[in-house]
């Protein structure tokens, strides 16, 4: 058996240990695809409760939408658009969650849409989840690092990513929606690095109907 040169071993070790679990920009993300099983993951509700998702122990299909944070006007608009559909999806037997890098205390307080904020507060914000460490976004392979220039530009607009998340990782998720079946397998995903373009509720509704027809 031929020995591997020490120099090559060192190079392989360096590549392995330096591997990143996030991407350098939104356009580079390589999200999990339909047909893949989701990882086991946990997130936190506004009141500090931990919610764990285990692909082997799901009782209902669920919809998980990643958004950038309550400070993002496009996220506020999308959350508002999803409100009516959310109710329909729950009636259809789905669980519906919205997850962002905002720390638990910011999930509701940072929302710019005051009507939406009031509605969610009345419902205890149960469907909002915190992924402040970005562990979930990393697991779904949609986490990317905001460059330093943009971080400073955001601060000029009174957007402080470190304050919002409670971390200095400067990571955000590429806006995305995943539909996961009771078997823990992704049935549908929509990921768009352009944060101004979100999944239309009508398309998600059609996806949900199609999933139920196949069961």
C-alpha atoms as a PDB file:
ATOM      1  CA  UNK A   1       0.000   0.000   0.000  1.00  0.00           C
ATOM      2  CA  UNK A   2       1.470   3.324  -1.052  1.00  0.00           C
ATOM      3  CA  UNK A   3       1.844   6.007   1.575  1.00  0.00           C
ATOM      4  CA  UNK A   4       0.333   9.426   1.022  1.00  0.00           C
ATOM      5  CA  UNK A   5       2.865  12.274   1.128  1.00  0.00           C
ATOM      6  CA  UNK A   6       2.714  14.251   4.346  1.00  0.00           C
ATOM      7  CA  UNK A   7       2.297  17.487   2.377  1.00  0.00           C
ATOM      8  CA  UNK A   8      -0.895  16.198   0.737  1.00  0.00           C
ATOM      9  CA  UNK A   9      -2.288  15.001   4.063  1.00  0.00           C
ATOM     10  CA  UNK A  10      -1.657  18.445   5.499  1.00  0.00           C
ATOM     11  CA  UNK A  11      -3.429  20.085   2.557  1.00  0.00           C
ATOM     12  CA  UNK A  12      -6.484  17.824   2.935  1.00  0.00           C
ATOM     13  CA  UNK A  13      -6.617  18.531   6.663  1.00  0.00           C
ATOM     14  CA  UNK A  14      -6.458  22.250   5.980  1.00  0.00           C
ATOM     15  CA  UNK A  15      -9.310  22.091   3.458  1.00  0.00           C
ATOM     16  CA  UNK A  16     -11.465  20.085   5.858  1.00  0.00           C
ATOM     17  CA  UNK A  17     -10.908  22.261   8.903  1.00  0.00           C
ATOM     18  CA  UNK A  18     -11.363  25.511   6.966  1.00  0.00           C
ATOM     19  CA  UNK A  19     -14.612  24.449   5.335  1.00  0.00           C
ATOM     20  CA  UNK A  20     -17.304  27.069   5.943  1.00  0.00           C
ATOM     21  CA  UNK A  21     -20.912  26.311   6.789  1.00  0.00           C
ATOM     22  CA  UNK A  22     -22.147  29.520   5.161  1.00  0.00           C
ATOM     23  CA  UNK A  23     -21.732  31.215   1.786  1.00  0.00           C
ATOM     24  CA  UNK A  24     -20.025  34.464   0.829  1.00  0.00           C
ATOM     25  CA  UNK A  25     -23.121  35.938  -0.817  1.00  0.00           C
ATOM     26  CA  UNK A  26     -26.774  35.093  -1.379  1.00  0.00           C
ATOM     27  CA  UNK A  27     -26.285  34.079  -5.011  1.00  0.00           C
ATOM     28  CA  UNK A  28     -23.916  31.286  -3.959  1.00  0.00           C
ATOM     29  CA  UNK A  29     -26.261  29.342  -1.652  1.00  0.00           C
ATOM     30  CA  UNK A  30     -26.973  25.694  -2.477  1.00  0.00           C
ATOM     31  CA  UNK A  31     -30.181  24.915  -0.548  1.00  0.00           C
ATOM     32  CA  UNK A  32     -31.520  21.501   0.332  1.00  0.00           C
ATOM     33  CA  UNK A  33     -33.649  20.152  -2.510  1.00  0.00           C
ATOM     34  CA  UNK A  34     -37.017  18.379  -2.798  1.00  0.00           C
ATOM     35  CA  UNK A  35     -36.540  14.692  -2.080  1.00  0.00           C
ATOM     36  CA  UNK A  36     -33.961  15.343   0.636  1.00  0.00           C
ATOM     37  CA  UNK A  37     -34.649  14.708   4.310  1.00  0.00           C
ATOM     38  CA  UNK A  38     -34.453  17.680   6.629  1.00  0.00           C
ATOM     39  CA  UNK A  39     -31.981  17.667   9.522  1.00  0.00           C
ATOM     40  CA  UNK A  40     -33.178  17.636  13.120  1.00  0.00           C
ATOM     41  CA  UNK A  41     -33.209  21.247  14.296  1.00  0.00           C
ATOM     42  CA  UNK A  42     -34.496  23.518  17.036  1.00  0.00           C
ATOM     43  CA  UNK A  43     -35.593  27.147  17.175  1.00  0.00           C
ATOM     44  CA  UNK A  44     -36.982  29.456  19.849  1.00  0.00           C
ATOM     45  CA  UNK A  45     -40.361  31.189  20.101  1.00  0.00           C
ATOM     46  CA  UNK A  46     -40.802  34.837  21.209  1.00  0.00           C
ATOM     47  CA  UNK A  47     -41.488  33.685  24.767  1.00  0.00           C
ATOM     48  CA  UNK A  48     -38.311  31.590  24.908  1.00  0.00           C
ATOM     49  CA  UNK A  49     -39.831  28.149  24.306  1.00  0.00           C
ATOM     50  CA  UNK A  50     -37.689  25.739  22.297  1.00  0.00           C
ATOM     51  CA  UNK A  51     -39.401  24.012  19.370  1.00  0.00           C
ATOM     52  CA  UNK A  52     -37.644  20.935  17.979  1.00  0.00           C
ATOM     53  CA  UNK A  53     -38.262  19.421  14.553  1.00  0.00           C
ATOM     54  CA  UNK A  54     -37.343  15.749  14.227  1.00  0.00           C
ATOM     55  CA  UNK A  55     -37.816  14.332  10.706  1.00  0.00           C
ATOM     56  CA  UNK A  56     -38.563  10.896  12.160  1.00  0.00           C
ATOM     57  CA  UNK A  57     -41.262  12.107  14.543  1.00  0.00           C
ATOM     58  CA  UNK A  58     -43.451  14.560  12.625  1.00  0.00           C
ATOM     59  CA  UNK A  59     -47.193  14.365  13.147  1.00  0.00           C
ATOM     60  CA  UNK A  60     -48.108  17.005  10.546  1.00  0.00           C
ATOM     61  CA  UNK A  61     -46.600  18.381   7.352  1.00  0.00           C
ATOM     62  CA  UNK A  62     -45.241  21.882   7.834  1.00  0.00           C
ATOM     63  CA  UNK A  63     -44.263  25.013   5.962  1.00  0.00           C
ATOM     64  CA  UNK A  64     -41.074  26.779   7.040  1.00  0.00           C
ATOM     65  CA  UNK A  65     -40.354  30.244   5.656  1.00  0.00           C
ATOM     66  CA  UNK A  66     -36.991  31.893   6.273  1.00  0.00           C
ATOM     67  CA  UNK A  67     -37.000  35.697   6.330  1.00  0.00           C
ATOM     68  CA  UNK A  68     -34.254  38.227   7.009  1.00  0.00           C
ATOM     69  CA  UNK A  69     -35.763  39.950  10.058  1.00  0.00           C
ATOM     70  CA  UNK A  70     -38.474  42.257  11.327  1.00  0.00           C
ATOM     71  CA  UNK A  71     -36.395  45.235  10.189  1.00  0.00           C
ATOM     72  CA  UNK A  72     -36.793  44.214   6.522  1.00  0.00           C
ATOM     73  CA  UNK A  73     -39.759  45.941   4.798  1.00  0.00           C
ATOM     74  CA  UNK A  74     -39.956  43.205   2.150  1.00  0.00           C
ATOM     75  CA  UNK A  75     -40.183  40.577   4.893  1.00  0.00           C
ATOM     76  CA  UNK A  76     -42.948  42.523   6.618  1.00  0.00           C
ATOM     77  CA  UNK A  77     -44.865  42.707   3.340  1.00  0.00           C
ATOM     78  CA  UNK A  78     -44.463  38.975   2.732  1.00  0.00           C
ATOM     79  CA  UNK A  79     -45.502  38.060   6.278  1.00  0.00           C
ATOM     80  CA  UNK A  80     -48.596  40.197   5.785  1.00  0.00           C
ATOM     81  CA  UNK A  81     -49.408  38.505   2.471  1.00  0.00           C
ATOM     82  CA  UNK A  82     -49.063  35.084   4.063  1.00  0.00           C
ATOM     83  CA  UNK A  83     -51.489  35.766   6.922  1.00  0.00           C
ATOM     84  CA  UNK A  84     -54.675  34.688   5.126  1.00  0.00           C
ATOM     85  CA  UNK A  85     -53.021  31.690   3.500  1.00  0.00           C
ATOM     86  CA  UNK A  86     -51.540  30.677   6.839  1.00  0.00           C
ATOM     87  CA  UNK A  87     -55.020  30.231   8.256  1.00  0.00           C
ATOM     88  CA  UNK A  88     -56.031  28.107   5.271  1.00  0.00           C
ATOM     89  CA  UNK A  89     -52.909  25.953   5.544  1.00  0.00           C
ATOM     90  CA  UNK A  90     -53.575  25.288   9.230  1.00  0.00           C
ATOM     91  CA  UNK A  91     -57.152  24.270   8.389  1.00  0.00           C
ATOM     92  CA  UNK A  92     -55.699  21.935   5.748  1.00  0.00           C
ATOM     93  CA  UNK A  93     -53.595  20.215   8.412  1.00  0.00           C
ATOM     94  CA  UNK A  94     -50.257  21.972   8.012  1.00  0.00           C
ATOM     95  CA  UNK A  95     -48.177  23.654  10.674  1.00  0.00           C
ATOM     96  CA  UNK A  96     -46.801  27.018   9.555  1.00  0.00           C
ATOM     97  CA  UNK A  97     -43.645  28.708  10.827  1.00  0.00           C
ATOM     98  CA  UNK A  98     -41.627  31.793   9.960  1.00  0.00           C
ATOM     99  CA  UNK A  99     -37.997  31.830  11.070  1.00  0.00           C
ATOM    100  CA  UNK A 100     -35.396  34.607  11.101  1.00  0.00           C
ATOM    101  CA  UNK A 101     -32.034  35.562  12.676  1.00  0.00           C
ATOM    102  CA  UNK A 102     -33.839  37.923  15.081  1.00  0.00           C
ATOM    103  CA  UNK A 103     -33.259  36.953  18.697  1.00  0.00           C
ATOM    104  CA  UNK A 104     -36.468  35.928  20.528  1.00  0.00           C
ATOM    105  CA  UNK A 105     -37.079  39.338  22.096  1.00  0.00           C
ATOM    106  CA  UNK A 106     -36.814  40.993  18.671  1.00  0.00           C
ATOM    107  CA  UNK A 107     -39.160  38.692  16.759  1.00  0.00           C
ATOM    108  CA  UNK A 108     -42.197  40.849  17.484  1.00  0.00           C
ATOM    109  CA  UNK A 109     -40.664  44.125  18.630  1.00  0.00           C
ATOM    110  CA  UNK A 110     -38.635  44.665  15.465  1.00  0.00           C
ATOM    111  CA  UNK A 111     -41.582  44.339  13.066  1.00  0.00           C
ATOM    112  CA  UNK A 112     -42.161  47.550  11.122  1.00  0.00           C
ATOM    113  CA  UNK A 113     -45.753  46.721  10.165  1.00  0.00           C
ATOM    114  CA  UNK A 114     -47.637  47.786  13.313  1.00  0.00           C
ATOM    115  CA  UNK A 115     -50.915  46.108  12.293  1.00  0.00           C
ATOM    116  CA  UNK A 116     -49.083  42.835  11.699  1.00  0.00           C
ATOM    117  CA  UNK A 117     -47.230  43.251  14.988  1.00  0.00           C
ATOM    118  CA  UNK A 118     -50.511  43.768  16.859  1.00  0.00           C
ATOM    119  CA  UNK A 119     -52.069  40.678  15.236  1.00  0.00           C
ATOM    120  CA  UNK A 120     -49.107  38.474  16.096  1.00  0.00           C
ATOM    121  CA  UNK A 121     -48.889  39.789  19.644  1.00  0.00           C
ATOM    122  CA  UNK A 122     -52.544  38.870  20.122  1.00  0.00           C
ATOM    123  CA  UNK A 123     -51.667  35.334  19.050  1.00  0.00           C
ATOM    124  CA  UNK A 124     -48.491  35.272  21.194  1.00  0.00           C
ATOM    125  CA  UNK A 125     -46.431  35.249  17.990  1.00  0.00           C
ATOM    126  CA  UNK A 126     -46.573  31.452  18.067  1.00  0.00           C
ATOM    127  CA  UNK A 127     -45.569  30.987  14.451  1.00  0.00           C
ATOM    128  CA  UNK A 128     -42.450  33.175  14.637  1.00  0.00           C
ATOM    129  CA  UNK A 129     -39.183  31.404  15.436  1.00  0.00           C
ATOM    130  CA  UNK A 130     -35.698  32.656  16.253  1.00  0.00           C
ATOM    131  CA  UNK A 131     -32.598  31.233  14.563  1.00  0.00           C
ATOM    132  CA  UNK A 132     -30.279  33.846  16.037  1.00  0.00           C
ATOM    133  CA  UNK A 133     -27.188  31.651  15.752  1.00  0.00           C
ATOM    134  CA  UNK A 134     -28.147  30.853  12.147  1.00  0.00           C
ATOM    135  CA  UNK A 135     -27.683  27.136  12.840  1.00  0.00           C
ATOM    136  CA  UNK A 136     -30.950  26.256  11.098  1.00  0.00           C
ATOM    137  CA  UNK A 137     -30.223  28.383   8.028  1.00  0.00           C
ATOM    138  CA  UNK A 138     -26.776  26.769   7.837  1.00  0.00           C
ATOM    139  CA  UNK A 139     -28.330  23.300   8.038  1.00  0.00           C
ATOM    140  CA  UNK A 140     -30.677  24.166   5.161  1.00  0.00           C
ATOM    141  CA  UNK A 141     -27.638  25.597   3.331  1.00  0.00           C
ATOM    142  CA  UNK A 142     -29.051  29.080   2.756  1.00  0.00           C
ATOM    143  CA  UNK A 143     -26.922  31.125   5.196  1.00  0.00           C
ATOM    144  CA  UNK A 144     -24.675  33.797   3.707  1.00  0.00           C
ATOM    145  CA  UNK A 145     -22.401  36.470   5.139  1.00  0.00           C
ATOM    146  CA  UNK A 146     -23.226  40.137   4.668  1.00  0.00           C
ATOM    147  CA  UNK A 147     -20.107  42.034   3.593  1.00  0.00           C
ATOM    148  CA  UNK A 148     -18.677  44.738   5.845  1.00  0.00           C
ATOM    149  CA  UNK A 149     -19.654  47.580   3.516  1.00  0.00           C
ATOM    150  CA  UNK A 150     -23.302  46.506   3.579  1.00  0.00           C
ATOM    151  CA  UNK A 151     -23.233  46.036   7.354  1.00  0.00           C
ATOM    152  CA  UNK A 152     -22.110  49.646   7.769  1.00  0.00           C
ATOM    153  CA  UNK A 153     -24.652  50.849   5.216  1.00  0.00           C
ATOM    154  CA  UNK A 154     -27.408  49.098   7.156  1.00  0.00           C
ATOM    155  CA  UNK A 155     -26.313  50.908  10.319  1.00  0.00           C
ATOM    156  CA  UNK A 156     -26.833  54.221   8.516  1.00  0.00           C
ATOM    157  CA  UNK A 157     -30.414  53.067   7.956  1.00  0.00           C
ATOM    158  CA  UNK A 158     -30.750  52.198  11.675  1.00  0.00           C
ATOM    159  CA  UNK A 159     -30.471  48.486  10.950  1.00  0.00           C
ATOM    160  CA  UNK A 160     -28.065  46.801  13.355  1.00  0.00           C
ATOM    161  CA  UNK A 161     -27.632  43.121  12.489  1.00  0.00           C
ATOM    162  CA  UNK A 162     -25.668  42.425  15.670  1.00  0.00           C
ATOM    163  CA  UNK A 163     -28.338  43.971  17.873  1.00  0.00           C
ATOM    164  CA  UNK A 164     -31.105  42.112  16.037  1.00  0.00           C
ATOM    165  CA  UNK A 165     -29.515  38.670  16.344  1.00  0.00           C
ATOM    166  CA  UNK A 166     -27.416  39.127  19.469  1.00  0.00           C
ATOM    167  CA  UNK A 167     -24.431  37.776  17.517  1.00  0.00           C
ATOM    168  CA  UNK A 168     -21.631  39.281  15.436  1.00  0.00           C
ATOM    169  CA  UNK A 169     -21.742  36.652  12.679  1.00  0.00           C
ATOM    170  CA  UNK A 170     -23.359  39.085  10.178  1.00  0.00           C
ATOM    171  CA  UNK A 171     -25.205  36.174   8.592  1.00  0.00           C
ATOM    172  CA  UNK A 172     -28.604  36.268   6.901  1.00  0.00           C
ATOM    173  CA  UNK A 173     -30.701  33.595   5.198  1.00  0.00           C
ATOM    174  CA  UNK A 174     -31.523  33.815   1.515  1.00  0.00           C
ATOM    175  CA  UNK A 175     -35.346  34.212   1.702  1.00  0.00           C
ATOM    176  CA  UNK A 176     -36.802  30.732   1.314  1.00  0.00           C
ATOM    177  CA  UNK A 177     -39.848  28.550   1.846  1.00  0.00           C
ATOM    178  CA  UNK A 178     -39.762  24.786   2.391  1.00  0.00           C
ATOM    179  CA  UNK A 179     -42.743  22.427   2.486  1.00  0.00           C
ATOM    180  CA  UNK A 180     -41.912  19.289   4.459  1.00  0.00           C
ATOM    181  CA  UNK A 181     -44.010  16.119   4.580  1.00  0.00           C
ATOM    182  CA  UNK A 182     -44.718  13.984   7.630  1.00  0.00           C
ATOM    183  CA  UNK A 183     -41.901  11.681   6.507  1.00  0.00           C
ATOM    184  CA  UNK A 184     -39.407  14.512   7.009  1.00  0.00           C
ATOM    185  CA  UNK A 185     -38.758  14.822   3.277  1.00  0.00           C
ATOM    186  CA  UNK A 186     -38.808  18.174   1.496  1.00  0.00           C
ATOM    187  CA  UNK A 187     -41.749  18.254  -0.914  1.00  0.00           C
ATOM    188  CA  UNK A 188     -41.143  21.727  -2.312  1.00  0.00           C
ATOM    189  CA  UNK A 189     -38.712  24.578  -1.887  1.00  0.00           C
ATOM    190  CA  UNK A 190     -38.448  28.121  -3.158  1.00  0.00           C
ATOM    191  CA  UNK A 191     -35.224  30.050  -2.593  1.00  0.00           C
ATOM    192  CA  UNK A 192     -34.467  33.389  -4.208  1.00  0.00           C
ATOM    193  CA  UNK A 193     -31.260  35.322  -3.462  1.00  0.00           C
ATOM    194  CA  UNK A 194     -33.084  38.479  -4.565  1.00  0.00           C
ATOM    195  CA  UNK A 195     -34.710  39.496  -1.278  1.00  0.00           C
ATOM    196  CA  UNK A 196     -37.217  41.679  -3.125  1.00  0.00           C
ATOM    197  CA  UNK A 197     -38.871  38.663  -4.752  1.00  0.00           C
ATOM    198  CA  UNK A 198     -40.852  36.265  -2.542  1.00  0.00           C
ATOM    199  CA  UNK A 199     -42.968  33.183  -3.113  1.00  0.00           C
ATOM    200  CA  UNK A 200     -46.539  34.079  -4.067  1.00  0.00           C
ATOM    201  CA  UNK A 201     -49.131  32.717  -1.600  1.00  0.00           C
ATOM    202  CA  UNK A 202     -51.173  31.350  -4.513  1.00  0.00           C
ATOM    203  CA  UNK A 203     -48.281  29.105  -5.577  1.00  0.00           C
ATOM    204  CA  UNK A 204     -47.754  27.835  -2.044  1.00  0.00           C
ATOM    205  CA  UNK A 205     -51.476  27.104  -1.767  1.00  0.00           C
ATOM    206  CA  UNK A 206     -51.337  25.043  -4.975  1.00  0.00           C
ATOM    207  CA  UNK A 207     -48.314  23.153  -3.648  1.00  0.00           C
ATOM    208  CA  UNK A 208     -50.156  22.333  -0.416  1.00  0.00           C
ATOM    209  CA  UNK A 209     -53.204  21.052  -2.317  1.00  0.00           C
ATOM    210  CA  UNK A 210     -51.019  18.895  -4.538  1.00  0.00           C
ATOM    211  CA  UNK A 211     -49.239  17.416  -1.517  1.00  0.00           C
ATOM    212  CA  UNK A 212     -52.508  16.440   0.145  1.00  0.00           C
ATOM    213  CA  UNK A 213     -53.785  14.851  -3.076  1.00  0.00           C
ATOM    214  CA  UNK A 214     -50.707  12.617  -3.162  1.00  0.00           C
ATOM    215  CA  UNK A 215     -51.187  11.305   0.367  1.00  0.00           C
END
